[in-house]
Amino acid sequence: MDSTMLDRLTQRLDRLERENRRLKRIGGVALIGLAAVALMGQAMPGKVAKVVEAERFIVRDLSGGARANLGLDPEGTIRLVLLDKRGTPVLTLAGMSSGSSALALGSKDGVLLYADPVARPGSG
C-alpha cells in the first residue's frame, strides 16, 4: 500500500469512529429520554389522592422555618398550632381525648385570649 491510500483509509476510519461515538451519544440520550417519559407516565394525570395519612403535618415557610403544626401528642390530644416567623404560637386549637377542646390566641406579648373548660393546651 502506498502512503496516500493509507492516509485515505486512516481518514475514513477516523470519520467512522467519530460518527460511531456520536450515534452512541444520541442513542444514550434517547434511551434516557424514553426512560424518563415512561417513569413520568406512572403518575395518572388528573387523578388526585382522596386520602392523605400521616401522624403529623408541618407547614414550612421558604426559609425552612415551621409555620404550622398539626398532629397528635402522646396523650392523644390533637393540636393545630399556627406560628409566627419567630416560631411563637399565635393560634392553638386543641381537641383533647376526653372530648373537650381549647383555643388560645397569642401575640409576641403573650396569650391574648384563652378558652378552655378543663386545662390549657400544652399543660397536659
PDB file of N, CA and C in Angstrom:
ATOM      1  N   MET A   1       0.833  -1.178   0.000  1.00  0.00           N
ATOM      2  CA  MET A   1       0.000   0.000   0.000  1.00  0.00           C
ATOM      3  C   MET A   1       0.876   1.239   0.000  1.00  0.00           C
ATOM      4  N   ASP A   2       0.432   2.202  -0.794  1.00  0.00           N
ATOM      5  CA  ASP A   2       1.179   3.452  -0.798  1.00  0.00           C
ATOM      6  C   ASP A   2       0.640   4.364   0.310  1.00  0.00           C
ATOM      7  N   SER A   3       1.355   5.444   0.581  1.00  0.00           N
ATOM      8  CA  SER A   3       1.026   6.320   1.709  1.00  0.00           C
ATOM      9  C   SER A   3      -0.280   7.089   1.485  1.00  0.00           C
ATOM     10  N   THR A   4      -0.620   7.452   0.242  1.00  0.00           N
ATOM     11  CA  THR A   4      -1.878   8.167   0.007  1.00  0.00           C
ATOM     12  C   THR A   4      -3.072   7.276   0.295  1.00  0.00           C
ATOM     13  N   MET A   5      -2.983   6.020  -0.073  1.00  0.00           N
ATOM     14  CA  MET A   5      -4.076   5.094   0.199  1.00  0.00           C
ATOM     15  C   MET A   5      -4.200   4.861   1.702  1.00  0.00           C
ATOM     16  N   LEU A   6      -3.073   4.749   2.403  1.00  0.00           N
ATOM     17  CA  LEU A   6      -3.072   4.572   3.850  1.00  0.00           C
ATOM     18  C   LEU A   6      -3.641   5.814   4.533  1.00  0.00           C
ATOM     19  N   ASP A   7      -3.315   6.997   4.034  1.00  0.00           N
ATOM     20  CA  ASP A   7      -3.866   8.242   4.593  1.00  0.00           C
ATOM     21  C   ASP A   7      -5.383   8.300   4.410  1.00  0.00           C
ATOM     22  N   ARG A   8      -5.872   7.902   3.221  1.00  0.00           N
ATOM     23  CA  ARG A   8      -7.315   7.909   2.983  1.00  0.00           C
ATOM     24  C   ARG A   8      -8.035   6.918   3.899  1.00  0.00           C
ATOM     25  N   LEU A   9      -7.442   5.744   4.078  1.00  0.00           N
ATOM     26  CA  LEU A   9      -8.051   4.757   4.968  1.00  0.00           C
ATOM     27  C   LEU A   9      -8.053   5.257   6.420  1.00  0.00           C
ATOM     28  N   THR A  10      -6.995   5.904   6.832  1.00  0.00           N
ATOM     29  CA  THR A  10      -6.926   6.451   8.185  1.00  0.00           C
ATOM     30  C   THR A  10      -7.973   7.546   8.373  1.00  0.00           C
ATOM     31  N   GLN A  11      -8.130   8.425   7.393  1.00  0.00           N
ATOM     32  CA  GLN A  11      -9.140   9.478   7.482  1.00  0.00           C
ATOM     33  C   GLN A  11     -10.549   8.880   7.536  1.00  0.00           C
ATOM     34  N   ARG A  12     -10.766   7.875   6.697  1.00  0.00           N
ATOM     35  CA  ARG A  12     -12.084   7.238   6.671  1.00  0.00           C
ATOM     36  C   ARG A  12     -12.372   6.552   8.005  1.00  0.00           C
ATOM     37  N   LEU A  13     -11.386   5.873   8.573  1.00  0.00           N
ATOM     38  CA  LEU A  13     -11.548   5.211   9.857  1.00  0.00           C
ATOM     39  C   LEU A  13     -11.823   6.240  10.960  1.00  0.00           C
ATOM     40  N   ASP A  14     -11.101   7.359  10.947  1.00  0.00           N
ATOM     41  CA  ASP A  14     -11.340   8.427  11.932  1.00  0.00           C
ATOM     42  C   ASP A  14     -12.766   8.961  11.828  1.00  0.00           C
ATOM     43  N   ARG A  15     -13.237   9.178  10.589  1.00  0.00           N
ATOM     44  CA  ARG A  15     -14.593   9.688  10.381  1.00  0.00           C
ATOM     45  C   ARG A  15     -15.626   8.693  10.887  1.00  0.00           C
ATOM     46  N   LEU A  16     -15.433   7.415  10.586  1.00  0.00           N
ATOM     47  CA  LEU A  16     -16.361   6.384  11.044  1.00  0.00           C
ATOM     48  C   LEU A  16     -16.385   6.283  12.575  1.00  0.00           C
ATOM     49  N   GLU A  17     -15.236   6.417  13.197  1.00  0.00           N
ATOM     50  CA  GLU A  17     -15.182   6.367  14.661  1.00  0.00           C
ATOM     51  C   GLU A  17     -15.913   7.566  15.278  1.00  0.00           C
ATOM     52  N   ARG A  18     -15.757   8.760  14.689  1.00  0.00           N
ATOM     53  CA  ARG A  18     -16.482   9.951  15.175  1.00  0.00           C
ATOM     54  C   ARG A  18     -17.984   9.756  15.043  1.00  0.00           C
ATOM     55  N   GLU A  19     -18.422   9.242  13.897  1.00  0.00           N
ATOM     56  CA  GLU A  19     -19.847   9.004  13.683  1.00  0.00           C
ATOM     57  C   GLU A  19     -20.377   7.968  14.671  1.00  0.00           C
ATOM     58  N   ASN A  20     -19.592   6.936  14.956  1.00  0.00           N
ATOM     59  CA  ASN A  20     -19.992   5.901  15.899  1.00  0.00           C
ATOM     60  C   ASN A  20     -20.158   6.484  17.309  1.00  0.00           C
ATOM     61  N   ARG A  21     -19.205   7.320  17.737  1.00  0.00           N
ATOM     62  CA  ARG A  21     -19.318   7.959  19.055  1.00  0.00           C
ATOM     63  C   ARG A  21     -20.552   8.847  19.122  1.00  0.00           C
ATOM     64  N   ARG A  22     -20.791   9.600  18.060  1.00  0.00           N
ATOM     65  CA  ARG A  22     -21.956  10.490  18.021  1.00  0.00           C
ATOM     66  C   ARG A  22     -23.254   9.680  18.085  1.00  0.00           C
ATOM     67  N   LEU A  23     -23.340   8.585  17.346  1.00  0.00           N
ATOM     68  CA  LEU A  23     -24.532   7.739  17.380  1.00  0.00           C
ATOM     69  C   LEU A  23     -24.738   7.117  18.763  1.00  0.00           C
ATOM     70  N   LYS A  24     -23.649   6.731  19.422  1.00  0.00           N
ATOM     71  CA  LYS A  24     -23.773   6.185  20.776  1.00  0.00           C
ATOM     72  C   LYS A  24     -24.314   7.237  21.735  1.00  0.00           C
ATOM     73  N   ARG A  25     -23.831   8.476  21.620  1.00  0.00           N
ATOM     74  CA  ARG A  25     -24.332   9.553  22.488  1.00  0.00           C
ATOM     75  C   ARG A  25     -25.813   9.824  22.235  1.00  0.00           C
ATOM     76  N   ILE A  26     -26.182   9.894  20.959  1.00  0.00           N
ATOM     77  CA  ILE A  26     -27.590  10.141  20.614  1.00  0.00           C
ATOM     78  C   ILE A  26     -28.466   8.996  21.133  1.00  0.00           C
ATOM     79  N   GLY A  27     -28.006   7.772  20.979  1.00  0.00           N
ATOM     80  CA  GLY A  27     -28.759   6.618  21.481  1.00  0.00           C
ATOM     81  C   GLY A  27     -28.899   6.643  22.998  1.00  0.00           C
ATOM     82  N   GLY A  28     -27.827   7.030  23.693  1.00  0.00           N
ATOM     83  CA  GLY A  28     -27.886   7.119  25.157  1.00  0.00           C
ATOM     84  C   GLY A  28     -28.868   8.173  25.623  1.00  0.00           C
ATOM     85  N   VAL A  29     -28.840   9.341  24.986  1.00  0.00           N
ATOM     86  CA  VAL A  29     -29.774  10.409  25.336  1.00  0.00           C
ATOM     87  C   VAL A  29     -31.207   9.981  25.035  1.00  0.00           C
ATOM     88  N   ALA A  30     -31.409   9.327  23.901  1.00  0.00           N
ATOM     89  CA  ALA A  30     -32.752   8.856  23.548  1.00  0.00           C
ATOM     90  C   ALA A  30     -33.243   7.818  24.551  1.00  0.00           C
ATOM     91  N   LEU A  31     -32.367   6.931  24.983  1.00  0.00           N
ATOM     92  CA  LEU A  31     -32.742   5.917  25.968  1.00  0.00           C
ATOM     93  C   LEU A  31     -33.110   6.553  27.301  1.00  0.00           C
ATOM     94  N   ILE A  32     -32.340   7.534  27.743  1.00  0.00           N
ATOM     95  CA  ILE A  32     -32.655   8.245  28.985  1.00  0.00           C
ATOM     96  C   ILE A  32     -33.979   8.981  28.844  1.00  0.00           C
ATOM     97  N   GLY A  33     -34.201   9.604  27.698  1.00  0.00           N
ATOM     98  CA  GLY A  33     -35.461  10.312  27.462  1.00  0.00           C
ATOM     99  C   GLY A  33     -36.654   9.371  27.503  1.00  0.00           C
ATOM    100  N   LEU A  34     -36.534   8.211  26.880  1.00  0.00           N
ATOM    101  CA  LEU A  34     -37.625   7.234  26.901  1.00  0.00           C
ATOM    102  C   LEU A  34     -37.883   6.723  28.315  1.00  0.00           C
ATOM    103  N   ALA A  35     -36.810   6.491  29.068  1.00  0.00           N
ATOM    104  CA  ALA A  35     -36.985   6.038  30.452  1.00  0.00           C
ATOM    105  C   ALA A  35     -37.680   7.117  31.283  1.00  0.00           C
ATOM    106  N   ALA A  36     -37.309   8.385  31.078  1.00  0.00           N
ATOM    107  CA  ALA A  36     -37.949   9.478  31.814  1.00  0.00           C
ATOM    108  C   ALA A  36     -39.426   9.582  31.464  1.00  0.00           C
ATOM    109  N   VAL A  37     -39.761   9.465  30.197  1.00  0.00           N
ATOM    110  CA  VAL A  37     -41.170   9.520  29.781  1.00  0.00           C
ATOM    111  C   VAL A  37     -41.938   8.350  30.385  1.00  0.00           C
ATOM    112  N   ALA A  38     -41.333   7.180  30.395  1.00  0.00           N
ATOM    113  CA  ALA A  38     -42.004   6.007  30.967  1.00  0.00           C
ATOM    114  C   ALA A  38     -42.239   6.187  32.458  1.00  0.00           C
ATOM    115  N   LEU A  39     -41.239   6.723  33.164  1.00  0.00           N
ATOM    116  CA  LEU A  39     -41.400   6.936  34.602  1.00  0.00           C
ATOM    117  C   LEU A  39     -42.407   8.034  34.901  1.00  0.00           C
ATOM    118  N   MET A  40     -42.429   9.096  34.101  1.00  0.00           N
ATOM    119  CA  MET A  40     -43.403  10.164  34.314  1.00  0.00           C
ATOM    120  C   MET A  40     -44.812   9.674  34.004  1.00  0.00           C
ATOM    121  N   GLY A  41     -44.937   8.722  33.140  1.00  0.00           N
ATOM    122  CA  GLY A  41     -46.240   8.193  32.790  1.00  0.00           C
ATOM    123  C   GLY A  41     -46.847   7.341  33.888  1.00  0.00           C
ATOM    124  N   GLN A  42     -46.068   6.994  34.907  1.00  0.00           N
ATOM    125  CA  GLN A  42     -46.588   6.186  36.005  1.00  0.00           C
ATOM    126  C   GLN A  42     -47.634   6.936  36.815  1.00  0.00           C
ATOM    127  N   ALA A  43     -47.480   8.251  36.956  1.00  0.00           N
ATOM    128  CA  ALA A  43     -48.457   9.058  37.693  1.00  0.00           C
ATOM    129  C   ALA A  43     -49.632   9.329  36.775  1.00  0.00           C
ATOM    130  N   MET A  44     -50.803   9.063  37.274  1.00  0.00           N
ATOM    131  CA  MET A  44     -52.006   9.280  36.483  1.00  0.00           C
ATOM    132  C   MET A  44     -52.337  10.762  36.462  1.00  0.00           C
ATOM    133  N   PRO A  45     -52.299  11.405  35.293  1.00  0.00           N
ATOM    134  CA  PRO A  45     -52.604  12.830  35.249  1.00  0.00           C
ATOM    135  C   PRO A  45     -54.059  13.081  35.602  1.00  0.00           C
ATOM    136  N   GLY A  46     -54.283  14.109  36.405  1.00  0.00           N
ATOM    137  CA  GLY A  46     -55.639  14.484  36.772  1.00  0.00           C
ATOM    138  C   GLY A  46     -56.205  13.670  37.920  1.00  0.00           C
ATOM    139  N   LYS A  47     -55.520  12.613  38.336  1.00  0.00           N
ATOM    140  CA  LYS A  47     -56.017  11.807  39.440  1.00  0.00           C
ATOM    141  C   LYS A  47     -55.407  12.337  40.732  1.00  0.00           C
ATOM    142  N   VAL A  48     -56.259  12.728  41.655  1.00  0.00           N
ATOM    143  CA  VAL A  48     -55.820  13.311  42.918  1.00  0.00           C
ATOM    144  C   VAL A  48     -56.101  12.319  44.036  1.00  0.00           C
ATOM    145  N   ALA A  49     -55.158  12.201  44.941  1.00  0.00           N
ATOM    146  CA  ALA A  49     -55.380  11.318  46.079  1.00  0.00           C
ATOM    147  C   ALA A  49     -56.528  11.846  46.922  1.00  0.00           C
ATOM    148  N   LYS A  50     -57.422  10.960  47.299  1.00  0.00           N
ATOM    149  CA  LYS A  50     -58.584  11.364  48.083  1.00  0.00           C
ATOM    150  C   LYS A  50     -58.294  11.340  49.571  1.00  0.00           C
ATOM    151  N   VAL A  51     -57.272  10.599  49.985  1.00  0.00           N
ATOM    152  CA  VAL A  51     -56.926  10.484  51.397  1.00  0.00           C
ATOM    153  C   VAL A  51     -55.420  10.637  51.537  1.00  0.00           C
ATOM    154  N   VAL A  52     -55.014  11.478  52.471  1.00  0.00           N
ATOM    155  CA  VAL A  52     -53.606  11.622  52.825  1.00  0.00           C
ATOM    156  C   VAL A  52     -53.499  11.267  54.294  1.00  0.00           C
ATOM    157  N   GLU A  53     -52.622  10.334  54.632  1.00  0.00           N
ATOM    158  CA  GLU A  53     -52.485   9.902  56.012  1.00  0.00           C
ATOM    159  C   GLU A  53     -51.080  10.193  56.503  1.00  0.00           C
ATOM    160  N   ALA A  54     -51.009  10.715  57.720  1.00  0.00           N
ATOM    161  CA  ALA A  54     -49.728  10.970  58.359  1.00  0.00           C
ATOM    162  C   ALA A  54     -49.963  11.124  59.847  1.00  0.00           C
ATOM    163  N   GLU A  55     -48.905  11.005  60.628  1.00  0.00           N
ATOM    164  CA  GLU A  55     -49.018  11.226  62.062  1.00  0.00           C
ATOM    165  C   GLU A  55     -48.894  12.707  62.396  1.00  0.00           C
ATOM    166  N   ARG A  56     -48.249  13.456  61.524  1.00  0.00           N
ATOM    167  CA  ARG A  56     -48.045  14.879  61.777  1.00  0.00           C
ATOM    168  C   ARG A  56     -47.829  15.611  60.466  1.00  0.00           C
ATOM    169  N   PHE A  57     -48.345  16.829  60.408  1.00  0.00           N
ATOM    170  CA  PHE A  57     -48.126  17.701  59.266  1.00  0.00           C
ATOM    171  C   PHE A  57     -47.423  18.957  59.754  1.00  0.00           C
ATOM    172  N   ILE A  58     -46.413  19.376  59.043  1.00  0.00           N
ATOM    173  CA  ILE A  58     -45.687  20.611  59.361  1.00  0.00           C
ATOM    174  C   ILE A  58     -45.648  21.454  58.099  1.00  0.00           C
ATOM    175  N   VAL A  59     -46.084  22.705  58.211  1.00  0.00           N
ATOM    176  CA  VAL A  59     -46.016  23.643  57.091  1.00  0.00           C
ATOM    177  C   VAL A  59     -44.811  24.538  57.348  1.00  0.00           C
ATOM    178  N   ARG A  60     -43.928  24.640  56.360  1.00  0.00           N
ATOM    179  CA  ARG A  60     -42.711  25.442  56.494  1.00  0.00           C
ATOM    180  C   ARG A  60     -42.751  26.612  55.519  1.00  0.00           C
ATOM    181  N   ASP A  61     -42.111  27.718  55.910  1.00  0.00           N
ATOM    182  CA  ASP A  61     -42.005  28.860  55.007  1.00  0.00           C
ATOM    183  C   ASP A  61     -40.816  28.651  54.077  1.00  0.00           C
ATOM    184  N   LEU A  62     -40.554  29.613  53.207  1.00  0.00           N
ATOM    185  CA  LEU A  62     -39.495  29.468  52.207  1.00  0.00           C
ATOM    186  C   LEU A  62     -38.112  29.330  52.819  1.00  0.00           C
ATOM    187  N   SER A  63     -37.921  29.873  54.022  1.00  0.00           N
ATOM    188  CA  SER A  63     -36.612  29.767  54.663  1.00  0.00           C
ATOM    189  C   SER A  63     -36.477  28.494  55.489  1.00  0.00           C
ATOM    190  N   GLY A  64     -37.516  27.657  55.524  1.00  0.00           N
ATOM    191  CA  GLY A  64     -37.437  26.377  56.224  1.00  0.00           C
ATOM    192  C   GLY A  64     -37.980  26.393  57.636  1.00  0.00           C
ATOM    193  N   GLY A  65     -38.407  27.547  58.124  1.00  0.00           N
ATOM    194  CA  GLY A  65     -38.956  27.625  59.474  1.00  0.00           C
ATOM    195  C   GLY A  65     -40.372  27.076  59.535  1.00  0.00           C
ATOM    196  N   ALA A  66     -40.697  26.383  60.635  1.00  0.00           N
ATOM    197  CA  ALA A  66     -42.037  25.834  60.812  1.00  0.00           C
ATOM    198  C   ALA A  66     -43.017  26.975  61.034  1.00  0.00           C
ATOM    199  N   ARG A  67     -44.145  26.959  60.335  1.00  0.00           N
ATOM    200  CA  ARG A  67     -45.174  27.989  60.481  1.00  0.00           C
ATOM    201  C   ARG A  67     -46.490  27.417  60.962  1.00  0.00           C
ATOM    202  N   ALA A  68     -46.685  26.094  60.856  1.00  0.00           N
ATOM    203  CA  ALA A  68     -47.902  25.449  61.347  1.00  0.00           C
ATOM    204  C   ALA A  68     -47.607  23.985  61.628  1.00  0.00           C
ATOM    205  N   ASN A  69     -48.252  23.461  62.664  1.00  0.00           N
ATOM    206  CA  ASN A  69     -48.144  22.046  63.026  1.00  0.00           C
ATOM    207  C   ASN A  69     -49.540  21.492  63.232  1.00  0.00           C
ATOM    208  N   LEU A  70     -49.751  20.289  62.784  1.00  0.00           N
ATOM    209  CA  LEU A  70     -50.998  19.579  63.033  1.00  0.00           C
ATOM    210  C   LEU A  70     -50.624  18.153  63.360  1.00  0.00           C
ATOM    211  N   GLY A  71     -51.028  17.687  64.543  1.00  0.00           N
ATOM    212  CA  GLY A  71     -50.700  16.320  64.909  1.00  0.00           C
ATOM    213  C   GLY A  71     -51.201  15.956  66.282  1.00  0.00           C
ATOM    214  N   LEU A  72     -50.948  14.709  66.662  1.00  0.00           N
ATOM    215  CA  LEU A  72     -51.331  14.162  67.962  1.00  0.00           C
ATOM    216  C   LEU A  72     -50.134  14.170  68.892  1.00  0.00           C
ATOM    217  N   ASP A  73     -50.375  14.490  70.181  1.00  0.00           N
ATOM    218  CA  ASP A  73     -49.311  14.342  71.163  1.00  0.00           C
ATOM    219  C   ASP A  73     -49.456  12.982  71.842  1.00  0.00           C
ATOM    220  N   PRO A  74     -48.519  12.572  72.693  1.00  0.00           N
ATOM    221  CA  PRO A  74     -48.584  11.237  73.320  1.00  0.00           C
ATOM    222  C   PRO A  74     -49.835  10.996  74.159  1.00  0.00           C
ATOM    223  N   GLU A  75     -50.454  12.067  74.669  1.00  0.00           N
ATOM    224  CA  GLU A  75     -51.666  11.895  75.486  1.00  0.00           C
ATOM    225  C   GLU A  75     -52.921  11.737  74.632  1.00  0.00           C
ATOM    226  N   GLY A  76     -52.805  11.847  73.325  1.00  0.00           N
ATOM    227  CA  GLY A  76     -53.953  11.696  72.443  1.00  0.00           C
ATOM    228  C   GLY A  76     -54.640  13.002  72.098  1.00  0.00           C
ATOM    229  N   THR A  77     -54.052  14.134  72.472  1.00  0.00           N
ATOM    230  CA  THR A  77     -54.616  15.443  72.140  1.00  0.00           C
ATOM    231  C   THR A  77     -54.186  15.828  70.734  1.00  0.00           C
ATOM    232  N   ILE A  78     -55.154  16.204  69.910  1.00  0.00           N
ATOM    233  CA  ILE A  78     -54.812  16.682  68.577  1.00  0.00           C
ATOM    234  C   ILE A  78     -54.682  18.198  68.647  1.00  0.00           C
ATOM    235  N   ARG A  79     -53.634  18.724  68.042  1.00  0.00           N
ATOM    236  CA  ARG A  79     -53.368  20.159  68.104  1.00  0.00           C
ATOM    237  C   ARG A  79     -53.097  20.722  66.711  1.00  0.00           C
ATOM    238  N   LEU A  80     -53.647  21.899  66.502  1.00  0.00           N
ATOM    239  CA  LEU A  80     -53.300  22.713  65.341  1.00  0.00           C
ATOM    240  C   LEU A  80     -52.667  23.969  65.912  1.00  0.00           C
ATOM    241  N   VAL A  81     -51.404  24.206  65.583  1.00  0.00           N
ATOM    242  CA  VAL A  81     -50.667  25.353  66.104  1.00  0.00           C
ATOM    243  C   VAL A  81     -50.161  26.171  64.926  1.00  0.00           C
ATOM    244  N   LEU A  82     -50.532  27.453  64.883  1.00  0.00           N
ATOM    245  CA  LEU A  82     -50.017  28.376  63.877  1.00  0.00           C
ATOM    246  C   LEU A  82     -48.940  29.224  64.536  1.00  0.00           C
ATOM    247  N   LEU A  83     -47.806  29.382  63.862  1.00  0.00           N
ATOM    248  CA  LEU A  83     -46.644  30.061  64.425  1.00  0.00           C
ATOM    249  C   LEU A  83     -46.294  31.297  63.616  1.00  0.00           C
ATOM    250  N   ASP A  84     -45.719  32.296  64.299  1.00  0.00           N
ATOM    251  CA  ASP A  84     -45.225  33.459  63.560  1.00  0.00           C
ATOM    252  C   ASP A  84     -43.821  33.168  63.043  1.00  0.00           C
ATOM    253  N   LYS A  85     -43.173  34.152  62.443  1.00  0.00           N
ATOM    254  CA  LYS A  85     -41.845  33.945  61.843  1.00  0.00           C
ATOM    255  C   LYS A  85     -40.795  33.544  62.869  1.00  0.00           C
ATOM    256  N   ARG A  86     -40.977  33.966  64.130  1.00  0.00           N
ATOM    257  CA  ARG A  86     -40.019  33.631  65.188  1.00  0.00           C
ATOM    258  C   ARG A  86     -40.286  32.256  65.799  1.00  0.00           C
ATOM    259  N   GLY A  87     -41.396  31.624  65.410  1.00  0.00           N
ATOM    260  CA  GLY A  87     -41.744  30.327  65.972  1.00  0.00           C
ATOM    261  C   GLY A  87     -42.642  30.419  67.191  1.00  0.00           C
ATOM    262  N   THR A  88     -43.146  31.613  67.480  1.00  0.00           N
ATOM    263  CA  THR A  88     -44.048  31.810  68.621  1.00  0.00           C
ATOM    264  C   THR A  88     -45.467  31.430  68.215  1.00  0.00           C
ATOM    265  N   PRO A  89     -46.151  30.600  69.021  1.00  0.00           N
ATOM    266  CA  PRO A  89     -47.528  30.237  68.685  1.00  0.00           C
ATOM    267  C   PRO A  89     -48.449  31.451  68.727  1.00  0.00           C
ATOM    268  N   VAL A  90     -49.201  31.667  67.662  1.00  0.00           N
ATOM    269  CA  VAL A  90     -50.172  32.765  67.622  1.00  0.00           C
ATOM    270  C   VAL A  90     -51.595  32.225  67.672  1.00  0.00           C
ATOM    271  N   LEU A  91     -51.779  30.949  67.367  1.00  0.00           N
ATOM    272  CA  LEU A  91     -53.089  30.324  67.497  1.00  0.00           C
ATOM    273  C   LEU A  91     -52.875  28.855  67.792  1.00  0.00           C
ATOM    274  N   THR A  92     -53.563  28.380  68.829  1.00  0.00           N
ATOM    275  CA  THR A  92     -53.531  26.960  69.155  1.00  0.00           C
ATOM    276  C   THR A  92     -54.960  26.484  69.300  1.00  0.00           C
ATOM    277  N   LEU A  93     -55.283  25.436  68.601  1.00  0.00           N
ATOM    278  CA  LEU A  93     -56.590  24.806  68.700  1.00  0.00           C
ATOM    279  C   LEU A  93     -56.324  23.360  69.070  1.00  0.00           C
ATOM    280  N   ALA A  94     -56.911  22.920  70.186  1.00  0.00           N
ATOM    281  CA  ALA A  94     -56.644  21.573  70.674  1.00  0.00           C
ATOM    282  C   ALA A  94     -57.944  20.847  70.937  1.00  0.00           C
ATOM    283  N   GLY A  95     -57.960  19.571  70.618  1.00  0.00           N
ATOM    284  CA  GLY A  95     -59.083  18.696  70.934  1.00  0.00           C
ATOM    285  C   GLY A  95     -58.564  17.550  71.771  1.00  0.00           C
ATOM    286  N   MET A  96     -58.941  17.527  73.058  1.00  0.00           N
ATOM    287  CA  MET A  96     -58.436  16.516  73.974  1.00  0.00           C
ATOM    288  C   MET A  96     -59.152  15.178  73.773  1.00  0.00           C
ATOM    289  N   SER A  97     -58.479  14.112  74.171  1.00  0.00           N
ATOM    290  CA  SER A  97     -59.076  12.781  74.041  1.00  0.00           C
ATOM    291  C   SER A  97     -60.316  12.639  74.917  1.00  0.00           C
ATOM    292  N   SER A  98     -60.448  13.495  75.941  1.00  0.00           N
ATOM    293  CA  SER A  98     -61.626  13.454  76.814  1.00  0.00           C
ATOM    294  C   SER A  98     -62.861  14.034  76.140  1.00  0.00           C
ATOM    295  N   GLY A  99     -62.667  14.707  75.021  1.00  0.00           N
ATOM    296  CA  GLY A  99     -63.786  15.293  74.300  1.00  0.00           C
ATOM    297  C   GLY A  99     -63.871  16.797  74.437  1.00  0.00           C
ATOM    298  N   SER A 100     -63.129  17.405  75.355  1.00  0.00           N
ATOM    299  CA  SER A 100     -63.149  18.853  75.486  1.00  0.00           C
ATOM    300  C   SER A 100     -62.181  19.470  74.481  1.00  0.00           C
ATOM    301  N   SER A 101     -62.300  20.779  74.289  1.00  0.00           N
ATOM    302  CA  SER A 101     -61.432  21.465  73.339  1.00  0.00           C
ATOM    303  C   SER A 101     -60.922  22.753  73.961  1.00  0.00           C
ATOM    304  N   ALA A 102     -59.894  23.310  73.352  1.00  0.00           N
ATOM    305  CA  ALA A 102     -59.295  24.546  73.856  1.00  0.00           C
ATOM    306  C   ALA A 102     -58.870  25.408  72.682  1.00  0.00           C
ATOM    307  N   LEU A 103     -58.874  26.716  72.917  1.00  0.00           N
ATOM    308  CA  LEU A 103     -58.454  27.683  71.916  1.00  0.00           C
ATOM    309  C   LEU A 103     -57.592  28.719  72.608  1.00  0.00           C
ATOM    310  N   ALA A 104     -56.442  29.018  72.030  1.00  0.00           N
ATOM    311  CA  ALA A 104     -55.566  30.057  72.572  1.00  0.00           C
ATOM    312  C   ALA A 104     -55.108  30.944  71.435  1.00  0.00           C
ATOM    313  N   LEU A 105     -55.306  32.249  71.593  1.00  0.00           N
ATOM    314  CA  LEU A 105     -54.804  33.232  70.641  1.00  0.00           C
ATOM    315  C   LEU A 105     -53.684  33.978  71.316  1.00  0.00           C
ATOM    316  N   GLY A 106     -52.550  34.089  70.648  1.00  0.00           N
ATOM    317  CA  GLY A 106     -51.404  34.721  71.265  1.00  0.00           C
ATOM    318  C   GLY A 106     -50.815  35.806  70.402  1.00  0.00           C
ATOM    319  N   SER A 107     -49.837  36.478  70.979  1.00  0.00           N
ATOM    320  CA  SER A 107     -49.075  37.511  70.281  1.00  0.00           C
ATOM    321  C   SER A 107     -47.665  37.488  70.840  1.00  0.00           C
ATOM    322  N   LYS A 108     -46.831  38.397  70.388  1.00  0.00           N
ATOM    323  CA  LYS A 108     -45.458  38.453  70.893  1.00  0.00           C
ATOM    324  C   LYS A 108     -45.420  38.790  72.375  1.00  0.00           C
ATOM    325  N   ASP A 109     -46.489  39.399  72.896  1.00  0.00           N
ATOM    326  CA  ASP A 109     -46.547  39.772  74.312  1.00  0.00           C
ATOM    327  C   ASP A 109     -47.133  38.680  75.189  1.00  0.00           C
ATOM    328  N   GLY A 110     -47.625  37.599  74.609  1.00  0.00           N
ATOM    329  CA  GLY A 110     -48.200  36.507  75.394  1.00  0.00           C
ATOM    330  C   GLY A 110     -49.573  36.135  74.873  1.00  0.00           C
ATOM    331  N   VAL A 111     -50.322  35.416  75.698  1.00  0.00           N
ATOM    332  CA  VAL A 111     -51.642  34.941  75.309  1.00  0.00           C
ATOM    333  C   VAL A 111     -52.645  36.077  75.421  1.00  0.00           C
ATOM    334  N   LEU A 112     -53.402  36.335  74.364  1.00  0.00           N
ATOM    335  CA  LEU A 112     -54.419  37.385  74.345  1.00  0.00           C
ATOM    336  C   LEU A 112     -55.787  36.849  74.757  1.00  0.00           C
ATOM    337  N   LEU A 113     -56.107  35.636  74.307  1.00  0.00           N
ATOM    338  CA  LEU A 113     -57.408  35.051  74.583  1.00  0.00           C
ATOM    339  C   LEU A 113     -57.200  33.567  74.803  1.00  0.00           C
ATOM    340  N   TYR A 114     -57.847  33.055  75.837  1.00  0.00           N
ATOM    341  CA  TYR A 114     -57.709  31.643  76.135  1.00  0.00           C
ATOM    342  C   TYR A 114     -59.056  31.095  76.530  1.00  0.00           C
ATOM    343  N   ALA A 115     -59.485  30.025  75.894  1.00  0.00           N
ATOM    344  CA  ALA A 115     -60.778  29.420  76.212  1.00  0.00           C
ATOM    345  C   ALA A 115     -60.583  27.927  76.349  1.00  0.00           C
ATOM    346  N   ASP A 116     -60.792  27.425  77.567  1.00  0.00           N
ATOM    347  CA  ASP A 116     -60.629  26.004  77.835  1.00  0.00           C
ATOM    348  C   ASP A 116     -61.384  25.663  79.112  1.00  0.00           C
ATOM    349  N   PRO A 117     -62.375  24.799  79.029  1.00  0.00           N
ATOM    350  CA  PRO A 117     -63.131  24.468  80.228  1.00  0.00           C
ATOM    351  C   PRO A 117     -62.383  23.526  81.165  1.00  0.00           C
ATOM    352  N   VAL A 118     -61.318  22.841  80.686  1.00  0.00           N
ATOM    353  CA  VAL A 118     -60.649  21.842  81.530  1.00  0.00           C
ATOM    354  C   VAL A 118     -59.201  22.213  81.823  1.00  0.00           C
ATOM    355  N   ALA A 119     -58.375  22.269  80.804  1.00  0.00           N
ATOM    356  CA  ALA A 119     -56.935  22.511  81.013  1.00  0.00           C
ATOM    357  C   ALA A 119     -56.355  23.230  79.813  1.00  0.00           C
ATOM    358  N   ARG A 120     -55.272  23.980  80.047  1.00  0.00           N
ATOM    359  CA  ARG A 120     -54.598  24.704  78.962  1.00  0.00           C
ATOM    360  C   ARG A 120     -53.945  23.739  77.993  1.00  0.00           C
ATOM    361  N   PRO A 121     -53.990  24.014  76.671  1.00  0.00           N
ATOM    362  CA  PRO A 121     -53.245  23.171  75.728  1.00  0.00           C
ATOM    363  C   PRO A 121     -51.763  23.246  76.033  1.00  0.00           C
ATOM    364  N   GLY A 122     -51.111  22.140  76.058  1.00  0.00           N
ATOM    365  CA  GLY A 122     -49.684  22.119  76.333  1.00  0.00           C
ATOM    366  C   GLY A 122     -49.383  21.897  77.801  1.00  0.00           C
ATOM    367  N   SER A 123     -50.374  21.999  78.684  1.00  0.00           N
ATOM    368  CA  SER A 123     -50.112  21.798  80.090  1.00  0.00           C
ATOM    369  C   SER A 123     -50.291  20.343  80.489  1.00  0.00           C
ATOM    370  N   GLY A 124     -50.834  19.536  79.597  1.00  0.00           N
ATOM    371  CA  GLY A 124     -51.093  18.149  79.969  1.00  0.00           C
ATOM    372  C   GLY A 124     -50.480  17.237  79.062  1.00  0.00           C
TER     373      GLY A 124
END
